[in-house]
Protein backbone atom coordinates (compact mmCIF):
# COMPACT_ATOMS: atom_id res chain seq x y z
CA MET A 1 -12.32 -8.93 -5.01
CA ILE A 2 -10.76 -6.24 -7.21
CA GLY A 3 -13.83 -5.98 -8.64
CA LEU A 4 -15.51 -5.27 -5.41
CA ILE A 5 -13.27 -2.99 -4.20
CA GLU A 6 -13.40 -0.85 -7.67
CA THR A 7 -17.27 -1.04 -7.58
CA ILE A 8 -17.44 0.28 -3.93
CA VAL A 9 -14.85 3.03 -4.63
CA LYS A 10 -15.54 4.54 -8.34
CA PRO A 11 -18.54 6.13 -7.10
CA LEU A 12 -16.99 7.89 -4.47
CA VAL A 13 -14.22 9.83 -6.54
CA ASP A 14 -14.42 12.46 -9.07
CA ASP A 15 -11.77 10.81 -11.44
CA PRO A 16 -12.65 7.01 -11.43
CA ALA A 17 -10.33 6.38 -14.10
CA ALA A 18 -7.86 6.80 -11.86
CA VAL A 19 -8.87 4.16 -9.40
CA SER A 20 -6.67 1.05 -9.59
CA VAL A 21 -6.23 -1.96 -7.60
CA GLU A 22 -3.44 -4.33 -7.18
CA GLU A 23 -3.26 -7.68 -5.53
CA GLU A 24 -0.22 -9.07 -3.68
CA VAL A 25 -0.45 -12.84 -2.53
CA GLN A 26 2.03 -13.64 0.51
CA SER A 27 2.10 -17.05 2.65
CA LYS A 28 -0.68 -15.71 5.10
CA VAL A 29 -1.99 -12.64 3.66
CA ILE A 30 -3.58 -11.11 0.66
CA VAL A 31 -2.76 -7.40 0.01
CA TYR A 32 -5.02 -5.27 -1.86
CA ARG A 33 -3.41 -1.60 -2.74
CA LEU A 34 -5.84 0.80 -3.79
CA THR A 35 -4.64 3.76 -5.81
CA VAL A 36 -6.59 6.87 -6.37
CA SER A 37 -5.86 10.30 -7.96
CA ARG A 38 -4.42 12.77 -5.12
CA ASP A 39 -7.65 14.87 -5.18
CA ASP A 40 -9.43 11.88 -4.35
CA VAL A 41 -7.75 10.62 -1.66
CA GLY A 42 -9.64 12.43 1.09
CA LYS A 43 -12.91 11.11 -0.13
CA VAL A 44 -12.07 7.81 -0.29
CA ILE A 45 -10.80 7.90 3.60
CA GLY A 46 -13.63 10.17 4.73
CA LYS A 47 -14.21 11.96 8.00
CA GLN A 48 -12.05 10.54 10.33
CA GLY A 49 -11.44 7.31 8.44
CA ARG A 50 -14.95 6.20 8.65
CA ILE A 51 -15.42 5.70 4.62
CA ALA A 52 -12.14 3.65 4.88
CA ARG A 53 -13.43 1.74 7.71
CA ALA A 54 -16.65 0.77 5.88
CA VAL A 55 -14.94 -0.26 2.82
CA ARG A 56 -12.53 -2.45 4.66
CA SER A 57 -15.40 -4.11 7.02
CA VAL A 58 -17.11 -4.92 3.51
CA VAL A 59 -13.69 -6.39 1.86
CA TYR A 60 -12.95 -8.53 4.90
CA ALA A 61 -16.34 -9.74 5.34
CA ALA A 62 -16.19 -10.77 1.78
CA GLY A 63 -12.79 -12.40 2.09
CA THR A 64 -14.07 -14.69 4.74
CA ARG A 65 -14.31 -17.76 2.77
CA SER A 66 -10.24 -17.51 2.12
CA SER A 67 -7.97 -19.35 4.60
CA LYS A 68 -5.79 -15.90 4.38
CA ARG A 69 -5.80 -12.95 6.03
CA ILE A 70 -7.24 -9.88 4.08
CA GLN A 71 -5.65 -6.29 4.11
CA LEU A 72 -6.56 -3.08 1.94
CA GLU A 73 -3.95 -0.22 1.98
CA ILE A 74 -4.94 2.91 0.65
CA ASN A 75 -1.96 4.80 -1.36
CA ASP A 76 -2.06 8.15 -2.64
């Protein structure tokens, strides 16, 4: 899943080396924390959050096999 998130986000940003994804597994939830450079946060979120919503939709769809809920957080 980390590879999928990185594959989607890296072409969107100016500094792909600054993209990192951390995974935190909790009892019923898997949280992925996406970190990008400050200048690229707007590009990842998009106008009115459209790009962020699209990335989350793909990640949630890929995580349907898991019995745990998936969350994607975007950090700046």
